[in-house]
Amino acid sequence: MLIAAGAQGYALTQRDAQPVSVGDVFPDVLLAPLFDGEPAQSTHDLRGKVAIVDLWVSWCTPCKREIPELSKVYEDYRDRGATVLGVNREPRNRTAARKTWTELAPSFRSVVVRDAGRRSGLGETLGGESLPTTYVLDRDGVVSHVHIGYTAPDDFRSELDSLLAE
């Protein structure tokens, strides 16, 4: 089954439009840099590490609460083989996203979904619009946890401990 995307100039299969759930392999997509001069980021590059992928926007109060806490989690776990990647969902308002990211000054990197006028692959595949939405991935890129809304850092720590012990 195809789902027409009209003026966007692309079509999605029904599978593409389904949200990514626990047990799914996280989609391999190339994400644009948030800041000029930084390289693009492929989600495939997360493989081999336990990863947290945090979707956020500049105007989201729970996002702005969670990002500094994820920064502390990242600092505590990066030497153990875990990583965190922020994914901003405001491709048409990078100025606000950059300002918020700079003010929060987390220790992990953020990228941005590609231009909203072009299919990035990630937003369409992940579905859902609630923010923050955070995915915890095992070393093979399989989604082990999905969090909708603010999540306490101890929850992430517990999940990372379990995945890193495997």
N, C-alpha and C. Protein backbone atom coordinates (compact mmCIF):
# COMPACT_ATOMS: atom_id res chain seq x y z
N MET A 1 0.85 -1.18 0.00
CA MET A 1 0.00 0.00 0.00
C MET A 1 0.89 1.24 0.00
N LEU A 2 0.56 2.22 -0.81
CA LEU A 2 1.29 3.48 -0.85
C LEU A 2 0.45 4.57 -0.21
N ILE A 3 1.13 5.45 0.49
CA ILE A 3 0.49 6.61 1.07
C ILE A 3 1.02 7.81 0.32
N ALA A 4 0.17 8.54 -0.37
CA ALA A 4 0.62 9.68 -1.16
C ALA A 4 1.00 10.82 -0.25
N ALA A 5 2.03 11.53 -0.61
CA ALA A 5 2.46 12.68 0.19
C ALA A 5 2.25 13.98 -0.57
N GLY A 6 1.49 13.93 -1.61
CA GLY A 6 1.07 15.13 -2.33
C GLY A 6 2.20 16.04 -2.75
N ALA A 7 2.13 17.29 -2.32
CA ALA A 7 3.06 18.32 -2.75
C ALA A 7 4.50 18.06 -2.32
N GLN A 8 4.71 17.20 -1.33
CA GLN A 8 6.07 16.91 -0.90
C GLN A 8 6.86 16.19 -1.99
N GLY A 9 6.18 15.54 -2.91
CA GLY A 9 6.88 14.93 -4.03
C GLY A 9 7.45 13.56 -3.73
N TYR A 10 6.87 12.83 -2.80
CA TYR A 10 7.32 11.47 -2.54
C TYR A 10 6.15 10.64 -2.06
N ALA A 11 6.37 9.35 -2.05
CA ALA A 11 5.34 8.44 -1.55
C ALA A 11 5.98 7.54 -0.50
N LEU A 12 5.19 7.15 0.46
CA LEU A 12 5.66 6.26 1.52
C LEU A 12 4.93 4.94 1.43
N THR A 13 5.60 3.87 1.76
CA THR A 13 4.89 2.61 1.89
C THR A 13 4.21 2.62 3.26
N GLN A 14 3.25 1.74 3.47
CA GLN A 14 2.58 1.68 4.76
C GLN A 14 3.60 1.39 5.85
N ARG A 15 4.55 0.54 5.61
CA ARG A 15 5.58 0.20 6.61
C ARG A 15 6.39 1.44 6.99
N ASP A 16 6.70 2.29 6.00
CA ASP A 16 7.46 3.50 6.28
C ASP A 16 6.73 4.43 7.23
N ALA A 17 5.41 4.41 7.18
CA ALA A 17 4.62 5.35 7.97
C ALA A 17 4.35 4.83 9.38
N GLN A 18 4.73 3.62 9.69
CA GLN A 18 4.51 3.06 11.02
C GLN A 18 5.57 3.57 11.97
N PRO A 19 5.19 3.87 13.21
CA PRO A 19 6.20 4.29 14.18
C PRO A 19 7.21 3.19 14.47
N VAL A 20 8.41 3.58 14.79
CA VAL A 20 9.45 2.64 15.20
C VAL A 20 9.13 2.22 16.63
N SER A 21 9.14 0.93 16.87
CA SER A 21 8.75 0.39 18.17
C SER A 21 9.87 -0.46 18.76
N VAL A 22 9.70 -0.83 20.01
CA VAL A 22 10.64 -1.73 20.67
C VAL A 22 10.76 -3.01 19.83
N GLY A 23 11.99 -3.44 19.60
CA GLY A 23 12.26 -4.63 18.80
C GLY A 23 12.58 -4.33 17.35
N ASP A 24 12.27 -3.12 16.88
CA ASP A 24 12.60 -2.73 15.51
C ASP A 24 14.06 -2.29 15.43
N VAL A 25 14.65 -2.46 14.27
CA VAL A 25 15.96 -1.88 14.01
C VAL A 25 15.74 -0.39 13.72
N PHE A 26 16.50 0.46 14.40
CA PHE A 26 16.37 1.89 14.18
C PHE A 26 16.75 2.20 12.75
N PRO A 27 16.00 3.08 12.06
CA PRO A 27 16.26 3.33 10.63
C PRO A 27 17.63 3.96 10.38
N ASP A 28 18.24 3.57 9.28
CA ASP A 28 19.50 4.15 8.84
C ASP A 28 19.19 5.36 7.98
N VAL A 29 19.48 6.54 8.48
CA VAL A 29 19.26 7.76 7.71
C VAL A 29 20.41 8.71 7.94
N LEU A 30 20.61 9.59 6.98
CA LEU A 30 21.63 10.63 7.09
C LEU A 30 20.95 11.91 7.57
N LEU A 31 21.46 12.47 8.65
CA LEU A 31 20.90 13.67 9.26
C LEU A 31 21.84 14.85 9.04
N ALA A 32 21.27 16.01 8.84
CA ALA A 32 22.05 17.21 8.55
C ALA A 32 22.69 17.76 9.82
N PRO A 33 23.82 18.44 9.69
CA PRO A 33 24.43 19.07 10.87
C PRO A 33 23.55 20.21 11.37
N LEU A 34 23.53 20.40 12.66
CA LEU A 34 22.81 21.53 13.25
C LEU A 34 23.59 22.82 13.05
N PHE A 35 24.92 22.72 13.16
CA PHE A 35 25.79 23.89 13.03
C PHE A 35 26.60 23.79 11.74
N ASP A 36 26.80 24.92 11.10
CA ASP A 36 27.62 24.96 9.89
C ASP A 36 29.03 24.46 10.20
N GLY A 37 29.59 23.74 9.26
CA GLY A 37 30.95 23.25 9.40
C GLY A 37 31.06 21.89 10.07
N GLU A 38 29.97 21.40 10.65
CA GLU A 38 29.99 20.05 11.24
C GLU A 38 29.60 19.04 10.18
N PRO A 39 30.03 17.80 10.34
CA PRO A 39 29.65 16.78 9.36
C PRO A 39 28.21 16.31 9.57
N ALA A 40 27.63 15.75 8.52
CA ALA A 40 26.35 15.08 8.65
C ALA A 40 26.54 13.86 9.54
N GLN A 41 25.47 13.28 10.00
CA GLN A 41 25.54 12.12 10.90
C GLN A 41 24.61 11.04 10.38
N SER A 42 25.12 9.86 10.20
CA SER A 42 24.28 8.73 9.83
C SER A 42 23.91 7.98 11.10
N THR A 43 22.64 7.62 11.21
CA THR A 43 22.25 6.83 12.38
C THR A 43 22.91 5.45 12.35
N HIS A 44 23.34 5.01 11.17
CA HIS A 44 24.05 3.73 11.08
C HIS A 44 25.36 3.77 11.88
N ASP A 45 25.95 4.96 12.00
CA ASP A 45 27.21 5.11 12.74
C ASP A 45 27.05 4.84 14.23
N LEU A 46 25.82 4.75 14.72
CA LEU A 46 25.58 4.45 16.14
C LEU A 46 25.78 2.97 16.44
N ARG A 47 25.77 2.14 15.41
CA ARG A 47 25.91 0.70 15.61
C ARG A 47 27.23 0.39 16.28
N GLY A 48 27.20 -0.58 17.17
CA GLY A 48 28.38 -0.96 17.92
C GLY A 48 28.43 -0.31 19.29
N LYS A 49 27.58 0.67 19.50
CA LYS A 49 27.46 1.33 20.80
C LYS A 49 26.03 1.24 21.27
N VAL A 50 25.85 1.26 22.57
CA VAL A 50 24.52 1.46 23.12
C VAL A 50 24.23 2.94 22.94
N ALA A 51 23.07 3.29 22.41
CA ALA A 51 22.81 4.68 22.05
C ALA A 51 21.46 5.17 22.54
N ILE A 52 21.43 6.44 22.87
CA ILE A 52 20.19 7.15 23.14
C ILE A 52 20.03 8.18 22.04
N VAL A 53 18.88 8.16 21.37
CA VAL A 53 18.57 9.12 20.32
C VAL A 53 17.39 9.94 20.83
N ASP A 54 17.62 11.23 21.03
CA ASP A 54 16.64 12.11 21.65
C ASP A 54 16.12 13.13 20.64
N LEU A 55 14.82 13.05 20.30
CA LEU A 55 14.19 14.00 19.40
C LEU A 55 13.68 15.18 20.20
N TRP A 56 14.02 16.39 19.74
CA TRP A 56 13.70 17.59 20.51
C TRP A 56 13.42 18.77 19.58
N VAL A 57 12.82 19.83 20.15
CA VAL A 57 12.63 21.11 19.46
C VAL A 57 12.92 22.22 20.46
N SER A 58 13.21 23.40 19.95
CA SER A 58 13.65 24.51 20.79
C SER A 58 12.58 25.04 21.74
N TRP A 59 11.33 24.93 21.39
CA TRP A 59 10.25 25.50 22.20
C TRP A 59 9.68 24.52 23.22
N CYS A 60 10.20 23.33 23.28
CA CYS A 60 9.67 22.25 24.13
C CYS A 60 10.30 22.31 25.52
N THR A 61 9.52 22.69 26.51
CA THR A 61 10.02 22.79 27.89
C THR A 61 10.53 21.44 28.41
N PRO A 62 9.79 20.33 28.23
CA PRO A 62 10.33 19.04 28.70
C PRO A 62 11.63 18.66 27.99
N CYS A 63 11.76 19.04 26.71
CA CYS A 63 13.01 18.77 25.98
C CYS A 63 14.17 19.51 26.64
N LYS A 64 13.93 20.78 26.94
CA LYS A 64 14.99 21.61 27.53
C LYS A 64 15.33 21.16 28.95
N ARG A 65 14.43 20.49 29.62
CA ARG A 65 14.73 19.92 30.93
C ARG A 65 15.55 18.63 30.78
N GLU A 66 15.19 17.84 29.78
CA GLU A 66 15.81 16.52 29.60
C GLU A 66 17.22 16.59 29.02
N ILE A 67 17.50 17.53 28.13
CA ILE A 67 18.80 17.58 27.45
C ILE A 67 19.97 17.73 28.42
N PRO A 68 19.95 18.65 29.38
CA PRO A 68 21.08 18.73 30.32
C PRO A 68 21.23 17.46 31.17
N GLU A 69 20.12 16.82 31.48
CA GLU A 69 20.19 15.57 32.24
C GLU A 69 20.78 14.46 31.39
N LEU A 70 20.41 14.42 30.10
CA LEU A 70 21.02 13.43 29.20
C LEU A 70 22.51 13.70 29.03
N SER A 71 22.90 14.96 29.09
CA SER A 71 24.31 15.31 29.01
C SER A 71 25.10 14.67 30.15
N LYS A 72 24.55 14.73 31.33
CA LYS A 72 25.21 14.10 32.50
C LYS A 72 25.26 12.58 32.35
N VAL A 73 24.17 12.00 31.85
CA VAL A 73 24.16 10.55 31.60
C VAL A 73 25.25 10.21 30.59
N TYR A 74 25.33 10.97 29.51
CA TYR A 74 26.35 10.73 28.49
C TYR A 74 27.75 10.80 29.08
N GLU A 75 28.03 11.81 29.88
CA GLU A 75 29.35 11.95 30.49
C GLU A 75 29.69 10.74 31.36
N ASP A 76 28.70 10.19 32.05
CA ASP A 76 28.93 9.04 32.92
C ASP A 76 29.09 7.73 32.16
N TYR A 77 28.56 7.64 30.95
CA TYR A 77 28.51 6.36 30.24
C TYR A 77 29.34 6.30 28.95
N ARG A 78 29.84 7.41 28.46
CA ARG A 78 30.54 7.38 27.17
C ARG A 78 31.79 6.51 27.19
N ASP A 79 32.49 6.46 28.30
CA ASP A 79 33.70 5.63 28.37
C ASP A 79 33.37 4.14 28.49
N ARG A 80 32.10 3.83 28.70
CA ARG A 80 31.66 2.43 28.80
C ARG A 80 31.06 1.93 27.49
N GLY A 81 31.05 2.78 26.46
CA GLY A 81 30.55 2.35 25.15
C GLY A 81 29.14 2.81 24.84
N ALA A 82 28.69 3.85 25.50
CA ALA A 82 27.36 4.40 25.21
C ALA A 82 27.50 5.79 24.60
N THR A 83 26.50 6.18 23.83
CA THR A 83 26.51 7.51 23.24
C THR A 83 25.10 8.09 23.27
N VAL A 84 25.03 9.39 23.09
CA VAL A 84 23.76 10.10 23.01
C VAL A 84 23.82 11.00 21.78
N LEU A 85 22.72 11.04 21.04
CA LEU A 85 22.62 11.90 19.87
C LEU A 85 21.30 12.66 19.95
N GLY A 86 21.37 13.98 19.91
CA GLY A 86 20.17 14.79 19.81
C GLY A 86 19.77 14.93 18.36
N VAL A 87 18.46 14.90 18.10
CA VAL A 87 17.94 15.09 16.75
C VAL A 87 16.87 16.16 16.82
N ASN A 88 17.20 17.33 16.31
CA ASN A 88 16.26 18.44 16.30
C ASN A 88 15.28 18.26 15.15
N ARG A 89 14.00 18.57 15.40
CA ARG A 89 12.95 18.41 14.41
C ARG A 89 12.49 19.75 13.83
N GLU A 90 13.38 20.74 13.78
CA GLU A 90 13.03 22.06 13.26
C GLU A 90 13.92 22.46 12.09
N PRO A 91 13.85 21.76 10.97
CA PRO A 91 14.75 22.08 9.87
C PRO A 91 14.54 23.47 9.29
N ARG A 92 13.38 24.04 9.50
CA ARG A 92 13.12 25.39 8.97
C ARG A 92 13.36 26.48 10.00
N ASN A 93 13.78 26.11 11.19
CA ASN A 93 14.07 27.11 12.22
C ASN A 93 15.36 26.75 12.95
N ARG A 94 16.40 26.57 12.18
CA ARG A 94 17.68 26.20 12.77
C ARG A 94 18.24 27.28 13.68
N THR A 95 17.88 28.53 13.43
CA THR A 95 18.37 29.61 14.28
C THR A 95 17.91 29.40 15.71
N ALA A 96 16.63 29.10 15.91
CA ALA A 96 16.11 28.85 17.26
C ALA A 96 16.74 27.59 17.85
N ALA A 97 16.88 26.56 17.03
CA ALA A 97 17.48 25.31 17.51
C ALA A 97 18.93 25.54 17.95
N ARG A 98 19.69 26.25 17.14
CA ARG A 98 21.10 26.52 17.48
C ARG A 98 21.20 27.34 18.76
N LYS A 99 20.33 28.33 18.90
CA LYS A 99 20.33 29.17 20.10
C LYS A 99 20.04 28.34 21.35
N THR A 100 19.02 27.52 21.28
CA THR A 100 18.67 26.66 22.43
C THR A 100 19.80 25.70 22.75
N TRP A 101 20.38 25.07 21.73
CA TRP A 101 21.46 24.09 21.94
C TRP A 101 22.67 24.77 22.58
N THR A 102 22.99 25.97 22.11
CA THR A 102 24.12 26.72 22.65
C THR A 102 23.86 27.11 24.11
N GLU A 103 22.65 27.53 24.42
CA GLU A 103 22.31 27.89 25.80
C GLU A 103 22.37 26.69 26.73
N LEU A 104 21.91 25.55 26.27
CA LEU A 104 21.90 24.34 27.11
C LEU A 104 23.30 23.75 27.24
N ALA A 105 24.12 23.90 26.21
CA ALA A 105 25.52 23.46 26.18
C ALA A 105 25.73 22.01 26.61
N PRO A 106 24.98 21.07 26.03
CA PRO A 106 25.21 19.67 26.40
C PRO A 106 26.54 19.15 25.86
N SER A 107 26.99 18.05 26.42
CA SER A 107 28.27 17.47 26.04
C SER A 107 28.16 16.52 24.84
N PHE A 108 26.96 16.26 24.39
CA PHE A 108 26.76 15.41 23.22
C PHE A 108 26.31 16.25 22.03
N ARG A 109 26.34 15.67 20.88
CA ARG A 109 26.06 16.38 19.63
C ARG A 109 24.58 16.31 19.26
N SER A 110 24.14 17.32 18.54
CA SER A 110 22.80 17.28 17.94
C SER A 110 22.92 17.52 16.45
N VAL A 111 22.06 16.86 15.73
CA VAL A 111 21.90 17.06 14.30
C VAL A 111 20.45 17.49 14.09
N VAL A 112 20.07 17.68 12.85
CA VAL A 112 18.71 18.12 12.56
C VAL A 112 18.16 17.28 11.42
N VAL A 113 16.86 17.00 11.46
CA VAL A 113 16.26 16.31 10.32
C VAL A 113 16.46 17.19 9.10
N ARG A 114 16.51 16.60 7.95
CA ARG A 114 16.76 17.38 6.73
C ARG A 114 15.61 18.31 6.42
N ASP A 115 15.82 19.16 5.46
CA ASP A 115 14.83 20.16 5.05
C ASP A 115 13.44 19.54 4.98
N ALA A 116 12.48 20.19 5.63
CA ALA A 116 11.11 19.67 5.70
C ALA A 116 10.49 19.49 4.33
N GLY A 117 11.00 20.16 3.31
CA GLY A 117 10.46 20.01 1.97
C GLY A 117 10.94 18.76 1.27
N ARG A 118 11.90 18.07 1.87
CA ARG A 118 12.45 16.85 1.28
C ARG A 118 12.30 15.73 2.28
N ARG A 119 12.16 14.53 1.81
CA ARG A 119 12.02 13.39 2.69
C ARG A 119 13.34 13.11 3.38
N SER A 120 13.35 13.19 4.69
CA SER A 120 14.57 12.89 5.44
C SER A 120 14.65 11.40 5.74
N GLY A 121 13.51 10.74 5.74
CA GLY A 121 13.48 9.33 6.09
C GLY A 121 13.23 9.13 7.57
N LEU A 122 13.70 10.00 8.43
CA LEU A 122 13.59 9.76 9.86
C LEU A 122 12.24 10.18 10.41
N GLY A 123 11.84 11.41 10.19
CA GLY A 123 10.56 11.86 10.74
C GLY A 123 9.39 11.03 10.25
N GLU A 124 9.40 10.69 8.97
CA GLU A 124 8.33 9.89 8.41
C GLU A 124 8.33 8.47 8.98
N THR A 125 9.51 7.93 9.17
CA THR A 125 9.61 6.56 9.66
C THR A 125 9.28 6.46 11.13
N LEU A 126 9.74 7.44 11.91
CA LEU A 126 9.51 7.37 13.35
C LEU A 126 8.06 7.64 13.71
N GLY A 127 7.36 8.41 12.90
CA GLY A 127 5.97 8.72 13.21
C GLY A 127 5.88 9.56 14.47
N GLY A 128 4.69 9.70 15.02
CA GLY A 128 4.50 10.40 16.28
C GLY A 128 5.05 11.81 16.31
N GLU A 129 4.38 12.67 16.99
CA GLU A 129 4.79 14.06 17.08
C GLU A 129 5.06 14.49 18.52
N SER A 130 4.90 13.62 19.49
CA SER A 130 5.13 13.99 20.89
C SER A 130 6.62 14.22 21.13
N LEU A 131 6.92 15.25 21.90
CA LEU A 131 8.31 15.59 22.17
C LEU A 131 8.50 15.85 23.65
N PRO A 132 9.64 15.50 24.20
CA PRO A 132 10.67 14.72 23.52
C PRO A 132 10.22 13.28 23.31
N THR A 133 10.76 12.67 22.29
CA THR A 133 10.65 11.23 22.10
C THR A 133 12.08 10.72 22.09
N THR A 134 12.34 9.71 22.91
CA THR A 134 13.70 9.23 23.08
C THR A 134 13.74 7.72 22.88
N TYR A 135 14.70 7.29 22.07
CA TYR A 135 14.89 5.88 21.75
C TYR A 135 16.19 5.41 22.37
N VAL A 136 16.16 4.25 23.00
CA VAL A 136 17.36 3.63 23.53
C VAL A 136 17.63 2.40 22.66
N LEU A 137 18.84 2.34 22.10
CA LEU A 137 19.21 1.30 21.14
C LEU A 137 20.30 0.41 21.70
N ASP A 138 20.22 -0.87 21.37
CA ASP A 138 21.30 -1.77 21.76
C ASP A 138 22.44 -1.64 20.74
N ARG A 139 23.49 -2.41 20.93
CA ARG A 139 24.67 -2.30 20.06
C ARG A 139 24.39 -2.65 18.60
N ASP A 140 23.33 -3.40 18.37
CA ASP A 140 22.96 -3.78 17.00
C ASP A 140 22.00 -2.79 16.36
N GLY A 141 21.67 -1.71 17.07
CA GLY A 141 20.75 -0.72 16.54
C GLY A 141 19.28 -1.08 16.72
N VAL A 142 19.01 -2.08 17.56
CA VAL A 142 17.64 -2.49 17.83
C VAL A 142 17.09 -1.64 18.98
N VAL A 143 15.87 -1.14 18.80
CA VAL A 143 15.23 -0.31 19.81
C VAL A 143 14.86 -1.17 21.01
N SER A 144 15.42 -0.81 22.17
CA SER A 144 15.09 -1.56 23.39
C SER A 144 14.06 -0.83 24.25
N HIS A 145 14.02 0.51 24.14
CA HIS A 145 13.06 1.32 24.90
C HIS A 145 12.67 2.54 24.07
N VAL A 146 11.40 2.95 24.21
CA VAL A 146 10.92 4.18 23.60
C VAL A 146 10.26 4.98 24.72
N HIS A 147 10.67 6.23 24.86
CA HIS A 147 10.11 7.11 25.88
C HIS A 147 9.41 8.28 25.19
N ILE A 148 8.17 8.50 25.54
CA ILE A 148 7.40 9.63 25.02
C ILE A 148 7.27 10.63 26.16
N GLY A 149 7.76 11.84 25.95
CA GLY A 149 7.73 12.86 27.00
C GLY A 149 8.98 12.80 27.85
N TYR A 150 9.03 13.68 28.83
CA TYR A 150 10.19 13.75 29.73
C TYR A 150 10.41 12.41 30.41
N THR A 151 11.67 12.01 30.51
CA THR A 151 12.05 10.77 31.19
C THR A 151 13.16 11.10 32.18
N ALA A 152 13.04 10.58 33.39
CA ALA A 152 14.03 10.82 34.44
C ALA A 152 15.36 10.16 34.07
N PRO A 153 16.47 10.81 34.41
CA PRO A 153 17.78 10.26 34.06
C PRO A 153 18.04 8.89 34.66
N ASP A 154 17.49 8.59 35.82
CA ASP A 154 17.71 7.27 36.42
C ASP A 154 17.11 6.16 35.57
N ASP A 155 16.03 6.45 34.85
CA ASP A 155 15.48 5.45 33.94
C ASP A 155 16.47 5.13 32.83
N PHE A 156 17.08 6.18 32.26
CA PHE A 156 18.08 5.95 31.22
C PHE A 156 19.29 5.21 31.77
N ARG A 157 19.72 5.57 32.96
CA ARG A 157 20.88 4.90 33.57
C ARG A 157 20.61 3.40 33.75
N SER A 158 19.44 3.07 34.23
CA SER A 158 19.06 1.67 34.43
C SER A 158 19.07 0.91 33.11
N GLU A 159 18.51 1.52 32.07
CA GLU A 159 18.47 0.88 30.77
C GLU A 159 19.86 0.72 30.17
N LEU A 160 20.70 1.74 30.31
CA LEU A 160 22.07 1.63 29.81
C LEU A 160 22.85 0.56 30.56
N ASP A 161 22.69 0.52 31.89
CA ASP A 161 23.37 -0.52 32.67
C ASP A 161 23.01 -1.90 32.18
N SER A 162 21.74 -2.11 31.93
CA SER A 162 21.28 -3.43 31.46
C SER A 162 21.84 -3.74 30.08
N LEU A 163 21.80 -2.81 29.17
CA LEU A 163 22.28 -3.06 27.81
C LEU A 163 23.80 -3.21 27.75
N LEU A 164 24.50 -2.45 28.55
CA LEU A 164 25.97 -2.55 28.56
C LEU A 164 26.45 -3.85 29.20
N ALA A 165 25.61 -4.45 30.03
CA ALA A 165 25.97 -5.72 30.67
C ALA A 165 25.81 -6.91 29.72
N GLU A 166 25.10 -6.71 28.63
CA GLU A 166 24.86 -7.82 27.68
C GLU A 166 26.09 -8.14 26.89
